Amino acid sequence: IFELYLNYAQWGKNIFGCEAASQFYFKKSSKDLNRMEAARLAAVLAMPSKLTPFHKTMFMNKRISTIATNLYYHKTIDAEAYFGMTGTIPPSKDSTSVPVERTRRQDSAERTSF
């Protein structure tokens, strides 16, 4: 299912699939992307009609940080790779909670609850 999603997801105007996005934005195959390029593409999925991997906004930085933190917690990257992606020291693994992205529905419900 995840592979199907990556092959059909929208990554920008008339850009569908991670390979097409990789070719369009980075002029190379998705298998040749470095960690930061891959994280930037993943971050775009949140709002593909409004973002590109080259947007330098707080939102993009937060998305990339969340992606890097999840990769670090799941031992996909080490502390050095985390620092390379975020420019910060990774969070302590002593915590039992893994960062989870919030949904708009959760955020909206919290703002309207009394």
N, C-alpha and C. Protein backbone atom coordinates (compact mmCIF):
# COMPACT_ATOMS: atom_id res chain seq x y z
N ILE A 1 0.83 -1.19 0.00
CA ILE A 1 0.00 0.00 0.00
C ILE A 1 0.88 1.25 0.00
N PHE A 2 1.92 1.25 0.84
CA PHE A 2 2.79 2.42 0.92
C PHE A 2 3.48 2.68 -0.42
N GLU A 3 3.92 1.60 -1.08
CA GLU A 3 4.56 1.75 -2.39
C GLU A 3 3.60 2.36 -3.40
N LEU A 4 2.35 1.90 -3.38
CA LEU A 4 1.34 2.48 -4.28
C LEU A 4 1.15 3.96 -3.99
N TYR A 5 1.07 4.29 -2.71
CA TYR A 5 0.90 5.70 -2.33
C TYR A 5 2.05 6.54 -2.87
N LEU A 6 3.28 6.09 -2.66
CA LEU A 6 4.44 6.86 -3.12
C LEU A 6 4.46 7.00 -4.64
N ASN A 7 3.93 6.01 -5.34
CA ASN A 7 3.94 6.07 -6.80
C ASN A 7 2.81 6.92 -7.38
N TYR A 8 1.80 7.22 -6.57
CA TYR A 8 0.66 8.00 -7.08
C TYR A 8 0.44 9.32 -6.35
N ALA A 9 1.13 9.54 -5.25
CA ALA A 9 0.94 10.77 -4.47
C ALA A 9 1.32 11.99 -5.29
N GLN A 10 0.64 13.09 -5.01
CA GLN A 10 0.95 14.35 -5.68
C GLN A 10 2.07 15.05 -4.93
N TRP A 11 3.07 15.52 -5.68
CA TRP A 11 4.24 16.18 -5.10
C TRP A 11 4.35 17.61 -5.59
N GLY A 12 3.35 18.08 -6.30
CA GLY A 12 3.35 19.43 -6.85
C GLY A 12 2.39 19.45 -8.03
N LYS A 13 2.29 20.61 -8.67
CA LYS A 13 1.37 20.74 -9.80
C LYS A 13 1.80 19.80 -10.92
N ASN A 14 0.92 18.87 -11.25
CA ASN A 14 1.16 17.88 -12.30
C ASN A 14 2.38 17.00 -12.06
N ILE A 15 2.75 16.81 -10.80
CA ILE A 15 3.87 15.92 -10.45
C ILE A 15 3.30 14.81 -9.57
N PHE A 16 3.29 13.61 -10.10
CA PHE A 16 2.73 12.47 -9.38
C PHE A 16 3.76 11.36 -9.26
N GLY A 17 3.95 10.88 -8.06
CA GLY A 17 4.90 9.81 -7.78
C GLY A 17 6.25 10.34 -7.34
N CYS A 18 6.89 9.57 -6.47
CA CYS A 18 8.16 10.04 -5.90
C CYS A 18 9.27 10.08 -6.94
N GLU A 19 9.25 9.18 -7.91
CA GLU A 19 10.30 9.20 -8.94
C GLU A 19 10.16 10.45 -9.81
N ALA A 20 8.94 10.78 -10.19
CA ALA A 20 8.72 12.00 -10.99
C ALA A 20 9.13 13.24 -10.20
N ALA A 21 8.81 13.26 -8.90
CA ALA A 21 9.17 14.40 -8.06
C ALA A 21 10.69 14.52 -7.94
N SER A 22 11.35 13.40 -7.76
CA SER A 22 12.80 13.40 -7.65
C SER A 22 13.45 13.92 -8.92
N GLN A 23 12.95 13.46 -10.05
CA GLN A 23 13.49 13.92 -11.34
C GLN A 23 13.21 15.41 -11.54
N PHE A 24 12.00 15.85 -11.21
CA PHE A 24 11.61 17.24 -11.42
C PHE A 24 12.41 18.19 -10.53
N TYR A 25 12.48 17.90 -9.24
CA TYR A 25 13.11 18.82 -8.30
C TYR A 25 14.63 18.67 -8.21
N PHE A 26 15.13 17.44 -8.30
CA PHE A 26 16.56 17.22 -8.05
C PHE A 26 17.31 16.69 -9.27
N LYS A 27 16.60 16.43 -10.36
CA LYS A 27 17.23 15.98 -11.61
C LYS A 27 18.02 14.68 -11.43
N LYS A 28 17.48 13.80 -10.57
CA LYS A 28 18.09 12.49 -10.38
C LYS A 28 17.04 11.49 -9.91
N SER A 29 17.40 10.23 -9.99
CA SER A 29 16.49 9.17 -9.56
C SER A 29 16.28 9.22 -8.05
N SER A 30 15.12 8.77 -7.61
CA SER A 30 14.83 8.76 -6.18
C SER A 30 15.81 7.87 -5.41
N LYS A 31 16.33 6.84 -6.05
CA LYS A 31 17.29 5.97 -5.36
C LYS A 31 18.62 6.65 -5.12
N ASP A 32 18.86 7.78 -5.79
CA ASP A 32 20.12 8.51 -5.63
C ASP A 32 20.00 9.74 -4.72
N LEU A 33 18.82 9.96 -4.14
CA LEU A 33 18.64 11.10 -3.25
C LEU A 33 19.42 10.90 -1.95
N ASN A 34 19.95 11.99 -1.41
CA ASN A 34 20.56 11.89 -0.08
C ASN A 34 19.45 12.04 0.96
N ARG A 35 19.79 11.90 2.23
CA ARG A 35 18.77 11.95 3.29
C ARG A 35 18.00 13.26 3.30
N MET A 36 18.71 14.36 3.15
CA MET A 36 18.05 15.66 3.22
C MET A 36 17.11 15.87 2.04
N GLU A 37 17.52 15.47 0.85
CA GLU A 37 16.65 15.59 -0.32
C GLU A 37 15.40 14.74 -0.13
N ALA A 38 15.57 13.53 0.36
CA ALA A 38 14.42 12.65 0.60
C ALA A 38 13.50 13.23 1.67
N ALA A 39 14.07 13.80 2.72
CA ALA A 39 13.26 14.42 3.78
C ALA A 39 12.50 15.62 3.24
N ARG A 40 13.14 16.40 2.38
CA ARG A 40 12.46 17.57 1.80
C ARG A 40 11.29 17.13 0.92
N LEU A 41 11.47 16.06 0.16
CA LEU A 41 10.34 15.55 -0.64
C LEU A 41 9.23 15.05 0.28
N ALA A 42 9.58 14.32 1.32
CA ALA A 42 8.57 13.83 2.26
C ALA A 42 7.81 14.98 2.91
N ALA A 43 8.51 16.05 3.22
CA ALA A 43 7.87 17.21 3.85
C ALA A 43 6.85 17.86 2.93
N VAL A 44 7.09 17.83 1.64
CA VAL A 44 6.18 18.43 0.67
C VAL A 44 4.82 17.75 0.67
N LEU A 45 4.78 16.47 1.01
CA LEU A 45 3.52 15.72 0.97
C LEU A 45 2.43 16.33 1.85
N ALA A 46 2.82 17.11 2.84
CA ALA A 46 1.82 17.75 3.71
C ALA A 46 0.96 18.75 2.94
N MET A 47 1.54 19.47 2.00
CA MET A 47 0.82 20.47 1.20
C MET A 47 1.46 20.57 -0.19
N PRO A 48 1.28 19.55 -1.02
CA PRO A 48 1.98 19.53 -2.30
C PRO A 48 1.60 20.65 -3.26
N SER A 49 0.43 21.23 -3.10
CA SER A 49 0.04 22.32 -4.01
C SER A 49 0.64 23.65 -3.58
N LYS A 50 1.19 23.73 -2.36
CA LYS A 50 1.72 25.00 -1.86
C LYS A 50 3.21 24.98 -1.58
N LEU A 51 3.80 23.80 -1.47
CA LEU A 51 5.21 23.71 -1.09
C LEU A 51 6.05 23.08 -2.19
N THR A 52 7.33 23.40 -2.17
CA THR A 52 8.33 22.68 -2.95
C THR A 52 9.42 22.30 -1.96
N PRO A 53 10.29 21.37 -2.34
CA PRO A 53 11.38 21.00 -1.43
C PRO A 53 12.33 22.16 -1.12
N PHE A 54 12.21 23.24 -1.86
CA PHE A 54 13.14 24.35 -1.69
C PHE A 54 12.57 25.49 -0.85
N HIS A 55 11.32 25.36 -0.40
CA HIS A 55 10.75 26.38 0.49
C HIS A 55 11.55 26.41 1.79
N LYS A 56 11.91 27.59 2.21
CA LYS A 56 12.64 27.75 3.48
C LYS A 56 11.70 28.45 4.45
N THR A 57 10.82 27.68 5.04
CA THR A 57 9.85 28.22 5.98
C THR A 57 9.94 27.47 7.30
N MET A 58 9.35 28.05 8.33
CA MET A 58 9.31 27.37 9.63
C MET A 58 8.56 26.04 9.50
N PHE A 59 7.51 26.03 8.68
CA PHE A 59 6.74 24.81 8.50
C PHE A 59 7.62 23.70 7.93
N MET A 60 8.37 24.02 6.87
CA MET A 60 9.25 23.00 6.26
C MET A 60 10.31 22.55 7.26
N ASN A 61 10.90 23.49 7.98
CA ASN A 61 11.92 23.12 8.97
C ASN A 61 11.34 22.20 10.03
N LYS A 62 10.12 22.49 10.49
CA LYS A 62 9.47 21.66 11.50
C LYS A 62 9.16 20.27 10.94
N ARG A 63 8.70 20.21 9.71
CA ARG A 63 8.40 18.91 9.08
C ARG A 63 9.67 18.08 8.95
N ILE A 64 10.75 18.71 8.49
CA ILE A 64 12.01 17.98 8.34
C ILE A 64 12.52 17.51 9.70
N SER A 65 12.38 18.35 10.70
CA SER A 65 12.79 17.96 12.05
C SER A 65 11.96 16.78 12.56
N THR A 66 10.67 16.80 12.31
CA THR A 66 9.79 15.69 12.72
C THR A 66 10.18 14.41 12.00
N ILE A 67 10.45 14.52 10.71
CA ILE A 67 10.87 13.35 9.92
C ILE A 67 12.18 12.80 10.47
N ALA A 68 13.15 13.69 10.71
CA ALA A 68 14.46 13.26 11.23
C ALA A 68 14.32 12.63 12.61
N THR A 69 13.48 13.21 13.46
CA THR A 69 13.28 12.67 14.81
C THR A 69 12.67 11.27 14.75
N ASN A 70 11.69 11.09 13.89
CA ASN A 70 11.09 9.76 13.74
C ASN A 70 12.10 8.75 13.21
N LEU A 71 12.91 9.16 12.24
CA LEU A 71 13.95 8.27 11.71
C LEU A 71 14.95 7.91 12.80
N TYR A 72 15.30 8.88 13.62
CA TYR A 72 16.25 8.65 14.71
C TYR A 72 15.67 7.70 15.77
N TYR A 73 14.44 7.94 16.19
CA TYR A 73 13.80 7.08 17.19
C TYR A 73 13.66 5.64 16.70
N HIS A 74 13.44 5.49 15.41
CA HIS A 74 13.27 4.15 14.85
C HIS A 74 14.59 3.55 14.36
N LYS A 75 15.71 4.21 14.72
CA LYS A 75 17.06 3.72 14.44
C LYS A 75 17.35 3.57 12.95
N THR A 76 16.72 4.41 12.15
CA THR A 76 17.00 4.42 10.72
C THR A 76 18.20 5.31 10.42
N ILE A 77 18.41 6.33 11.25
CA ILE A 77 19.58 7.18 11.15
C ILE A 77 20.24 7.29 12.52
N ASP A 78 21.53 7.61 12.51
CA ASP A 78 22.24 7.78 13.78
C ASP A 78 22.29 9.26 14.16
N ALA A 79 22.94 9.56 15.29
CA ALA A 79 22.99 10.94 15.80
C ALA A 79 23.69 11.87 14.81
N GLU A 80 24.72 11.38 14.15
CA GLU A 80 25.45 12.21 13.18
C GLU A 80 24.55 12.59 12.00
N ALA A 81 23.80 11.62 11.49
CA ALA A 81 22.88 11.90 10.38
C ALA A 81 21.77 12.85 10.83
N TYR A 82 21.28 12.66 12.05
CA TYR A 82 20.26 13.55 12.59
C TYR A 82 20.78 14.98 12.63
N PHE A 83 21.99 15.16 13.14
CA PHE A 83 22.59 16.49 13.21
C PHE A 83 22.75 17.07 11.81
N GLY A 84 23.14 16.25 10.85
CA GLY A 84 23.29 16.71 9.48
C GLY A 84 21.98 17.19 8.87
N MET A 85 20.88 16.59 9.27
CA MET A 85 19.57 16.97 8.74
C MET A 85 18.97 18.18 9.45
N THR A 86 19.23 18.30 10.74
CA THR A 86 18.54 19.34 11.52
C THR A 86 19.46 20.42 12.07
N GLY A 87 20.75 20.12 12.15
CA GLY A 87 21.68 21.07 12.75
C GLY A 87 21.59 21.12 14.27
N THR A 88 20.90 20.15 14.85
CA THR A 88 20.75 20.10 16.31
C THR A 88 21.13 18.71 16.83
N ILE A 89 21.37 18.64 18.12
CA ILE A 89 21.66 17.36 18.77
C ILE A 89 20.35 16.59 18.87
N PRO A 90 20.37 15.29 18.61
CA PRO A 90 19.12 14.53 18.68
C PRO A 90 18.53 14.49 20.08
N PRO A 91 17.22 14.33 20.16
CA PRO A 91 16.56 14.24 21.47
C PRO A 91 16.98 12.95 22.18
N SER A 92 16.83 12.94 23.48
CA SER A 92 17.18 11.78 24.28
C SER A 92 16.27 10.61 23.92
N LYS A 93 16.86 9.44 23.83
CA LYS A 93 16.07 8.24 23.57
C LYS A 93 15.53 7.64 24.86
N ASP A 94 15.85 8.27 25.99
CA ASP A 94 15.35 7.79 27.28
C ASP A 94 13.85 7.94 27.39
N SER A 95 13.31 8.89 26.68
CA SER A 95 11.87 9.12 26.71
C SER A 95 11.16 7.95 26.06
N THR A 96 10.05 7.55 26.63
CA THR A 96 9.30 6.44 26.05
C THR A 96 8.36 6.90 24.95
N SER A 97 8.15 8.19 24.85
CA SER A 97 7.23 8.68 23.83
C SER A 97 7.97 8.99 22.54
N VAL A 98 7.40 8.55 21.45
CA VAL A 98 7.94 8.83 20.12
C VAL A 98 7.13 9.97 19.55
N PRO A 99 7.78 10.95 18.89
CA PRO A 99 7.01 12.07 18.35
C PRO A 99 5.99 11.60 17.32
N VAL A 100 4.82 12.12 17.43
CA VAL A 100 3.74 11.79 16.51
C VAL A 100 3.18 13.09 15.98
N GLU A 101 2.97 13.12 14.68
CA GLU A 101 2.39 14.33 14.11
C GLU A 101 0.92 14.39 14.46
N ARG A 102 0.48 15.58 14.72
CA ARG A 102 -0.92 15.79 15.08
C ARG A 102 -1.73 15.96 13.80
N THR A 103 -2.99 15.59 13.89
CA THR A 103 -3.87 15.82 12.76
C THR A 103 -4.55 17.16 12.91
N ARG A 104 -5.00 17.69 11.82
CA ARG A 104 -5.73 18.96 11.87
C ARG A 104 -6.97 18.82 12.73
N ARG A 105 -7.60 17.67 12.65
CA ARG A 105 -8.82 17.44 13.43
C ARG A 105 -8.52 17.52 14.93
N GLN A 106 -7.40 16.93 15.36
CA GLN A 106 -7.02 16.99 16.78
C GLN A 106 -6.76 18.43 17.20
N ASP A 107 -6.00 19.15 16.39
CA ASP A 107 -5.68 20.55 16.70
C ASP A 107 -6.95 21.39 16.76
N SER A 108 -7.83 21.18 15.80
CA SER A 108 -9.07 21.94 15.75
C SER A 108 -9.94 21.65 16.96
N ALA A 109 -10.03 20.38 17.34
CA ALA A 109 -10.86 19.99 18.48
C ALA A 109 -10.33 20.61 19.77
N GLU A 110 -9.01 20.67 19.91
CA GLU A 110 -8.44 21.25 21.12
C GLU A 110 -8.67 22.76 21.18
N ARG A 111 -8.66 23.41 20.04
CA ARG A 111 -8.87 24.85 20.02
C ARG A 111 -10.31 25.22 20.34
N THR A 112 -11.24 24.33 20.02
CA THR A 112 -12.65 24.66 20.23
C THR A 112 -13.22 24.08 21.51
N SER A 113 -12.46 23.22 22.21
CA SER A 113 -12.99 22.64 23.45
C SER A 113 -12.82 23.62 24.60
N PHE A 114 -13.74 23.53 25.56
CA PHE A 114 -13.73 24.44 26.70
C PHE A 114 -13.46 23.69 27.97
